[in-house]
Every structure is written in C-alpha cells, then in structure tokens.
Amino acid sequence: VFQMKPDRNPEEYTNLLQSIGESTERLSNLVKDLLTFTNEQGIGKKEPVELRPLLEETVFELEEYAATKQIEITISGQGTVLGDDSLLQRAFFNLISNAIRYNVDCGSIFIEITDAQVTIADTGIGIPINKQGKIFERFYQVESQHIGSGIGLSLVQRLVDLHHGRIELESEEGKGTTMTVLLPLA
C-alpha cells in the first residue's frame, strides 16, 4: 500500500520506519518468549544474582519504550537471589514491559527490592477482578485491543516456578497493578 503512492514526504517515511521498528520489536520479543517457554530443561545454572543491577539493566533496555508514554521508573533497594540471571532478566523484562504497556501516559512505575522480593507497582489501568485469576494462563489477554501474544505472563509464571519462587498480584481497575516476585535467597 505504501508503494502505491509515488510521492511520499519525509514524515510518511519516518512513520513507516517507526511502525516497522515496533513490529520487529514485538516479533523479536515473541520469538524470545517462545524459545524460553519451550525450554523445558529447567535452570541450568544457579548462581547468586544481584537484583539491583539486573533490574537497572532491564529498565535501561525499556527506557525508550517508557519515554514514548512519559513514564517515570524508580528503583529502590537491594537483594541477592539464587538463580539464572538471563531467565530472571526475561521474567522482569516482561513484567516491566507490561507495566509500561498498561500504564497511563505520564504514569509511574515503582520497583522495590527487599532481600529476595521484587515488587513492581504501576499507576496503570489495572486488571478487572474477574480477570485476575486467568492472566497467568497461556494465550490469555484481558482486553483484545491491546497488542500482545498472551504468553508473557505465563512465561513469567513458569520462570518464577523454575526458580522455586512465587508471584503475587494485586490490582484495582483504574488504579494500577502490583506484581510481587518472591525468590529463594542466595
């Protein structure tokens, strides 16, 4: 369709490239999630993982995405857990990415680390109470108008389970969501 019109202005090219970039990023994240999800081997290495640097790196990767909605992300605290740093990074990437996606413009995300617990709280749209029990199911999406594969939170659940941890959810429609990940201490 884009090629059908012979004369395009620079803004149209910029918009097309931005759209292609966003689609490529979504597809890349989907492939990463699927590859991680199909890895049924469990955790290959269990090492002490410092949570603060891991979360700072994850937030850095998502900084540009958060900036598109003018979302401020704050990290506080320290903690060290036993696990696989790349798998934990994937889990936290998905949680923070969701906190951005379902947040309001100019919203906030607060990440608090206490020992072996990470709490990610956003000021977003929240999850209806009647949908909260299903959000960790594979391919489930709360609202169909949001772009996503529906496997992000089921992958998070699986990765937390592999670490012998648990994830807790608190959410109120229109007021935001808090996800708390509890992991074994190093």
C-alpha atoms as a PDB file:
ATOM      1  CA  VAL A   1       0.000   0.000   0.000  1.00  0.00           C
ATOM      2  CA  PHE A   2       2.819   2.371   0.867  1.00  0.00           C
ATOM      3  CA  GLN A   3       4.441   1.873  -2.546  1.00  0.00           C
ATOM      4  CA  MET A   4       1.215   2.605  -4.455  1.00  0.00           C
ATOM      5  CA  LYS A   5       1.552   6.356  -3.900  1.00  0.00           C
ATOM      6  CA  PRO A   6       4.549   7.652  -5.880  1.00  0.00           C
ATOM      7  CA  ASP A   7       5.286  10.809  -3.909  1.00  0.00           C
ATOM      8  CA  ARG A   8       5.924  10.367  -0.198  1.00  0.00           C
ATOM      9  CA  ASN A   9       7.069  13.068   2.185  1.00  0.00           C
ATOM     10  CA  PRO A  10       9.785  12.503   4.815  1.00  0.00           C
ATOM     11  CA  GLU A  11       7.226  12.308   7.633  1.00  0.00           C
ATOM     12  CA  GLU A  12       5.472   9.396   5.946  1.00  0.00           C
ATOM     13  CA  TYR A  13       8.794   7.550   5.611  1.00  0.00           C
ATOM     14  CA  THR A  14       9.576   8.241   9.262  1.00  0.00           C
ATOM     15  CA  ASN A  15       6.175   6.905  10.352  1.00  0.00           C
ATOM     16  CA  LEU A  16       6.610   3.785   8.206  1.00  0.00           C
ATOM     17  CA  LEU A  17      10.071   3.083   9.633  1.00  0.00           C
ATOM     18  CA  GLN A  18       8.785   3.599  13.179  1.00  0.00           C
ATOM     19  CA  SER A  19       5.910   1.192  12.548  1.00  0.00           C
ATOM     20  CA  ILE A  20       8.276  -1.397  11.055  1.00  0.00           C
ATOM     21  CA  GLY A  21      10.593  -0.999  14.045  1.00  0.00           C
ATOM     22  CA  GLU A  22       7.775  -1.508  16.540  1.00  0.00           C
ATOM     23  CA  SER A  23       6.501  -4.566  14.675  1.00  0.00           C
ATOM     24  CA  THR A  24      10.002  -6.022  14.503  1.00  0.00           C
ATOM     25  CA  GLU A  25      10.492  -5.468  18.242  1.00  0.00           C
ATOM     26  CA  ARG A  26       7.176  -7.181  19.055  1.00  0.00           C
ATOM     27  CA  LEU A  27       8.053 -10.115  16.812  1.00  0.00           C
ATOM     28  CA  SER A  28      11.532 -10.366  18.331  1.00  0.00           C
ATOM     29  CA  ASN A  29      10.092 -10.405  21.858  1.00  0.00           C
ATOM     30  CA  LEU A  30       7.545 -13.040  20.846  1.00  0.00           C
ATOM     31  CA  VAL A  31      10.297 -15.277  19.442  1.00  0.00           C
ATOM     32  CA  LYS A  32      12.378 -14.816  22.612  1.00  0.00           C
ATOM     33  CA  ASP A  33       9.357 -15.699  24.755  1.00  0.00           C
ATOM     34  CA  LEU A  34       8.526 -18.762  22.673  1.00  0.00           C
ATOM     35  CA  LEU A  35      12.119 -20.007  22.781  1.00  0.00           C
ATOM     36  CA  THR A  36      12.294 -19.518  26.525  1.00  0.00           C
ATOM     37  CA  PHE A  37       8.862 -21.077  27.024  1.00  0.00           C
ATOM     38  CA  THR A  38       9.710 -24.207  25.056  1.00  0.00           C
ATOM     39  CA  ASN A  39      12.899 -24.764  27.044  1.00  0.00           C
ATOM     40  CA  GLU A  40      11.642 -27.475  29.394  1.00  0.00           C
ATOM     41  CA  GLN A  41      15.062 -28.320  30.829  1.00  0.00           C
ATOM     42  CA  GLY A  42      14.778 -26.165  33.901  1.00  0.00           C
ATOM     43  CA  ILE A  43      17.523 -23.971  35.239  1.00  0.00           C
ATOM     44  CA  GLY A  44      20.972 -24.917  34.012  1.00  0.00           C
ATOM     45  CA  LYS A  45      22.890 -22.748  36.444  1.00  0.00           C
ATOM     46  CA  LYS A  46      22.044 -21.435  39.860  1.00  0.00           C
ATOM     47  CA  GLU A  47      24.276 -18.628  40.952  1.00  0.00           C
ATOM     48  CA  PRO A  48      23.903 -15.617  43.220  1.00  0.00           C
ATOM     49  CA  VAL A  49      22.171 -12.879  41.213  1.00  0.00           C
ATOM     50  CA  GLU A  50      22.256  -9.282  42.404  1.00  0.00           C
ATOM     51  CA  LEU A  51      18.800  -7.919  41.671  1.00  0.00           C
ATOM     52  CA  ARG A  52      19.534  -4.174  41.553  1.00  0.00           C
ATOM     53  CA  PRO A  53      21.991  -4.263  38.602  1.00  0.00           C
ATOM     54  CA  LEU A  54      19.800  -6.796  36.788  1.00  0.00           C
ATOM     55  CA  LEU A  55      16.729  -4.576  37.145  1.00  0.00           C
ATOM     56  CA  GLU A  56      18.664  -1.425  36.245  1.00  0.00           C
ATOM     57  CA  GLU A  57      19.831  -3.094  33.021  1.00  0.00           C
ATOM     58  CA  THR A  58      16.278  -4.227  32.257  1.00  0.00           C
ATOM     59  CA  VAL A  59      14.889  -0.725  32.829  1.00  0.00           C
ATOM     60  CA  PHE A  60      17.649   0.689  30.609  1.00  0.00           C
ATOM     61  CA  GLU A  61      16.523  -1.650  27.794  1.00  0.00           C
ATOM     62  CA  LEU A  62      12.937  -0.430  28.207  1.00  0.00           C
ATOM     63  CA  GLU A  63      13.791   3.253  28.745  1.00  0.00           C
ATOM     64  CA  GLU A  64      12.921   4.314  25.208  1.00  0.00           C
ATOM     65  CA  TYR A  65       9.589   2.480  25.348  1.00  0.00           C
ATOM     66  CA  ALA A  66       8.741   4.153  28.674  1.00  0.00           C
ATOM     67  CA  ALA A  67       9.697   7.557  27.236  1.00  0.00           C
ATOM     68  CA  THR A  68       7.066   7.227  24.494  1.00  0.00           C
ATOM     69  CA  LYS A  69       4.421   7.374  27.257  1.00  0.00           C
ATOM     70  CA  GLN A  70       6.446   9.701  29.535  1.00  0.00           C
ATOM     71  CA  ILE A  71       6.516   7.074  32.263  1.00  0.00           C
ATOM     72  CA  GLU A  72       8.922   7.538  35.139  1.00  0.00           C
ATOM     73  CA  ILE A  73      10.523   4.374  36.539  1.00  0.00           C
ATOM     74  CA  THR A  74      12.077   4.356  40.009  1.00  0.00           C
ATOM     75  CA  ILE A  75      14.153   1.533  41.535  1.00  0.00           C
ATOM     76  CA  SER A  76      14.961   1.222  45.223  1.00  0.00           C
ATOM     77  CA  GLY A  77      16.574  -1.373  47.458  1.00  0.00           C
ATOM     78  CA  GLN A  78      18.990  -4.270  47.086  1.00  0.00           C
ATOM     79  CA  GLY A  79      18.819  -8.029  47.168  1.00  0.00           C
ATOM     80  CA  THR A  80      20.530 -11.190  46.002  1.00  0.00           C
ATOM     81  CA  VAL A  81      18.789 -14.385  44.956  1.00  0.00           C
ATOM     82  CA  LEU A  82      19.875 -17.777  43.718  1.00  0.00           C
ATOM     83  CA  GLY A  83      19.049 -18.435  40.083  1.00  0.00           C
ATOM     84  CA  ASP A  84      19.770 -17.922  36.415  1.00  0.00           C
ATOM     85  CA  ASP A  85      20.343 -14.253  35.641  1.00  0.00           C
ATOM     86  CA  SER A  86      19.219 -14.447  31.991  1.00  0.00           C
ATOM     87  CA  LEU A  87      15.954 -16.203  32.863  1.00  0.00           C
ATOM     88  CA  LEU A  88      15.262 -13.775  35.687  1.00  0.00           C
ATOM     89  CA  GLN A  89      16.023 -10.857  33.368  1.00  0.00           C
ATOM     90  CA  ARG A  90      13.477 -12.230  30.862  1.00  0.00           C
ATOM     91  CA  ALA A  91      10.822 -12.511  33.580  1.00  0.00           C
ATOM     92  CA  PHE A  92      11.409  -8.966  34.852  1.00  0.00           C
ATOM     93  CA  PHE A  93      11.569  -7.623  31.280  1.00  0.00           C
ATOM     94  CA  ASN A  94       8.068  -8.989  30.666  1.00  0.00           C
ATOM     95  CA  LEU A  95       6.690  -7.618  33.946  1.00  0.00           C
ATOM     96  CA  ILE A  96       8.151  -4.135  33.442  1.00  0.00           C
ATOM     97  CA  SER A  97       7.146  -4.095  29.781  1.00  0.00           C
ATOM     98  CA  ASN A  98       3.550  -4.860  30.814  1.00  0.00           C
ATOM     99  CA  ALA A  99       3.715  -2.148  33.488  1.00  0.00           C
ATOM    100  CA  ILE A 100       4.616   0.299  30.714  1.00  0.00           C
ATOM    101  CA  ARG A 101       2.123  -1.032  28.142  1.00  0.00           C
ATOM    102  CA  TYR A 102      -0.852  -0.920  30.509  1.00  0.00           C
ATOM    103  CA  ASN A 103       0.111   2.302  32.238  1.00  0.00           C
ATOM    104  CA  VAL A 104      -1.365   5.733  31.633  1.00  0.00           C
ATOM    105  CA  ASP A 105       0.551   8.498  29.875  1.00  0.00           C
ATOM    106  CA  CYS A 106       2.789  10.341  32.356  1.00  0.00           C
ATOM    107  CA  GLY A 107       2.348   7.454  34.798  1.00  0.00           C
ATOM    108  CA  SER A 108       4.877   5.896  37.145  1.00  0.00           C
ATOM    109  CA  ILE A 109       6.411   2.532  37.873  1.00  0.00           C
ATOM    110  CA  PHE A 110       7.967   1.816  41.257  1.00  0.00           C
ATOM    111  CA  ILE A 111      10.329  -1.139  41.581  1.00  0.00           C
ATOM    112  CA  GLU A 112      11.245  -2.068  45.133  1.00  0.00           C
ATOM    113  CA  ILE A 113      13.793  -4.734  46.023  1.00  0.00           C
ATOM    114  CA  THR A 114      13.848  -6.175  49.537  1.00  0.00           C
ATOM    115  CA  ASP A 115      16.079  -9.206  50.078  1.00  0.00           C
ATOM    116  CA  ALA A 116      14.634 -11.847  47.724  1.00  0.00           C
ATOM    117  CA  GLN A 117      11.482  -9.961  46.800  1.00  0.00           C
ATOM    118  CA  VAL A 118      10.869  -7.628  43.870  1.00  0.00           C
ATOM    119  CA  THR A 119       7.714  -5.525  43.771  1.00  0.00           C
ATOM    120  CA  ILE A 120       6.737  -3.787  40.534  1.00  0.00           C
ATOM    121  CA  ALA A 121       3.873  -1.340  41.021  1.00  0.00           C
ATOM    122  CA  ASP A 122       2.375   0.803  38.276  1.00  0.00           C
ATOM    123  CA  THR A 123      -0.194   3.586  38.084  1.00  0.00           C
ATOM    124  CA  GLY A 124      -1.890   1.993  35.100  1.00  0.00           C
ATOM    125  CA  ILE A 125      -5.333   0.835  34.084  1.00  0.00           C
ATOM    126  CA  GLY A 126      -5.441  -2.133  36.443  1.00  0.00           C
ATOM    127  CA  ILE A 127      -6.923  -5.582  35.879  1.00  0.00           C
ATOM    128  CA  PRO A 128     -10.621  -6.282  36.433  1.00  0.00           C
ATOM    129  CA  ILE A 129     -11.135  -8.551  39.453  1.00  0.00           C
ATOM    130  CA  ASN A 130     -12.980 -11.160  37.375  1.00  0.00           C
ATOM    131  CA  LYS A 131      -9.973 -11.476  35.009  1.00  0.00           C
ATOM    132  CA  GLN A 132      -7.188 -11.641  37.597  1.00  0.00           C
ATOM    133  CA  GLY A 133      -7.355 -15.421  38.044  1.00  0.00           C
ATOM    134  CA  LYS A 134      -6.683 -16.002  34.343  1.00  0.00           C
ATOM    135  CA  ILE A 135      -3.833 -13.628  33.493  1.00  0.00           C
ATOM    136  CA  PHE A 136      -1.119 -16.248  34.001  1.00  0.00           C
ATOM    137  CA  GLU A 137      -2.799 -18.680  31.580  1.00  0.00           C
ATOM    138  CA  ARG A 138      -1.151 -19.222  28.216  1.00  0.00           C
ATOM    139  CA  PHE A 139      -2.521 -17.025  25.392  1.00  0.00           C
ATOM    140  CA  TYR A 140      -4.958 -15.224  27.708  1.00  0.00           C
ATOM    141  CA  GLN A 141      -5.373 -11.481  27.179  1.00  0.00           C
ATOM    142  CA  VAL A 142      -7.503  -9.261  29.389  1.00  0.00           C
ATOM    143  CA  GLU A 143      -8.512  -6.980  26.520  1.00  0.00           C
ATOM    144  CA  SER A 144      -8.236  -7.876  22.851  1.00  0.00           C
ATOM    145  CA  GLN A 145      -7.473  -4.312  21.745  1.00  0.00           C
ATOM    146  CA  HIS A 146      -4.017  -4.470  23.360  1.00  0.00           C
ATOM    147  CA  ILE A 147      -1.264  -5.821  21.156  1.00  0.00           C
ATOM    148  CA  GLY A 148       0.450  -8.865  22.591  1.00  0.00           C
ATOM    149  CA  SER A 149       0.782 -12.605  22.305  1.00  0.00           C
ATOM    150  CA  GLY A 150      -0.803 -13.585  25.602  1.00  0.00           C
ATOM    151  CA  ILE A 151       2.208 -15.644  26.670  1.00  0.00           C
ATOM    152  CA  GLY A 152       4.260 -13.026  28.529  1.00  0.00           C
ATOM    153  CA  LEU A 153       2.757 -13.541  31.977  1.00  0.00           C
ATOM    154  CA  SER A 154       2.504 -17.317  31.598  1.00  0.00           C
ATOM    155  CA  LEU A 155       6.217 -17.272  30.770  1.00  0.00           C
ATOM    156  CA  VAL A 156       6.893 -15.152  33.864  1.00  0.00           C
ATOM    157  CA  GLN A 157       4.941 -17.656  35.973  1.00  0.00           C
ATOM    158  CA  ARG A 158       6.927 -20.542  34.500  1.00  0.00           C
ATOM    159  CA  LEU A 159      10.292 -18.834  35.065  1.00  0.00           C
ATOM    160  CA  VAL A 160       9.393 -17.964  38.665  1.00  0.00           C
ATOM    161  CA  ASP A 161       8.253 -21.567  39.234  1.00  0.00           C
ATOM    162  CA  LEU A 162      11.557 -22.867  37.829  1.00  0.00           C
ATOM    163  CA  HIS A 163      13.298 -20.748  40.468  1.00  0.00           C
ATOM    164  CA  HIS A 164      11.060 -22.248  43.201  1.00  0.00           C
ATOM    165  CA  GLY A 165       9.563 -18.833  43.777  1.00  0.00           C
ATOM    166  CA  ARG A 166       6.094 -17.396  43.547  1.00  0.00           C
ATOM    167  CA  ILE A 167       4.387 -14.368  42.079  1.00  0.00           C
ATOM    168  CA  GLU A 168       1.579 -12.411  43.700  1.00  0.00           C
ATOM    169  CA  LEU A 169      -0.833  -9.980  42.079  1.00  0.00           C
ATOM    170  CA  GLU A 170      -2.733  -7.022  43.470  1.00  0.00           C
ATOM    171  CA  SER A 171      -4.699  -4.852  41.100  1.00  0.00           C
ATOM    172  CA  GLU A 172      -7.555  -2.415  41.097  1.00  0.00           C
ATOM    173  CA  GLU A 173      -9.196  -1.218  37.927  1.00  0.00           C
ATOM    174  CA  GLY A 174      -8.244   2.371  37.172  1.00  0.00           C
ATOM    175  CA  LYS A 175      -5.651   2.491  39.945  1.00  0.00           C
ATOM    176  CA  GLY A 176      -2.839   0.204  38.816  1.00  0.00           C
ATOM    177  CA  THR A 177      -1.266  -3.180  39.338  1.00  0.00           C
ATOM    178  CA  THR A 178       1.365  -4.512  41.701  1.00  0.00           C
ATOM    179  CA  MET A 179       3.273  -7.706  40.909  1.00  0.00           C
ATOM    180  CA  THR A 180       5.448  -9.159  43.661  1.00  0.00           C
ATOM    181  CA  VAL A 181       8.020 -11.823  42.818  1.00  0.00           C
ATOM    182  CA  LEU A 182       9.427 -13.817  45.728  1.00  0.00           C
ATOM    183  CA  LEU A 183      12.566 -15.875  45.053  1.00  0.00           C
ATOM    184  CA  PRO A 184      14.948 -18.050  47.093  1.00  0.00           C
ATOM    185  CA  LEU A 185      17.692 -16.151  48.872  1.00  0.00           C
ATOM    186  CA  ALA A 186      21.258 -16.693  47.683  1.00  0.00           C
END
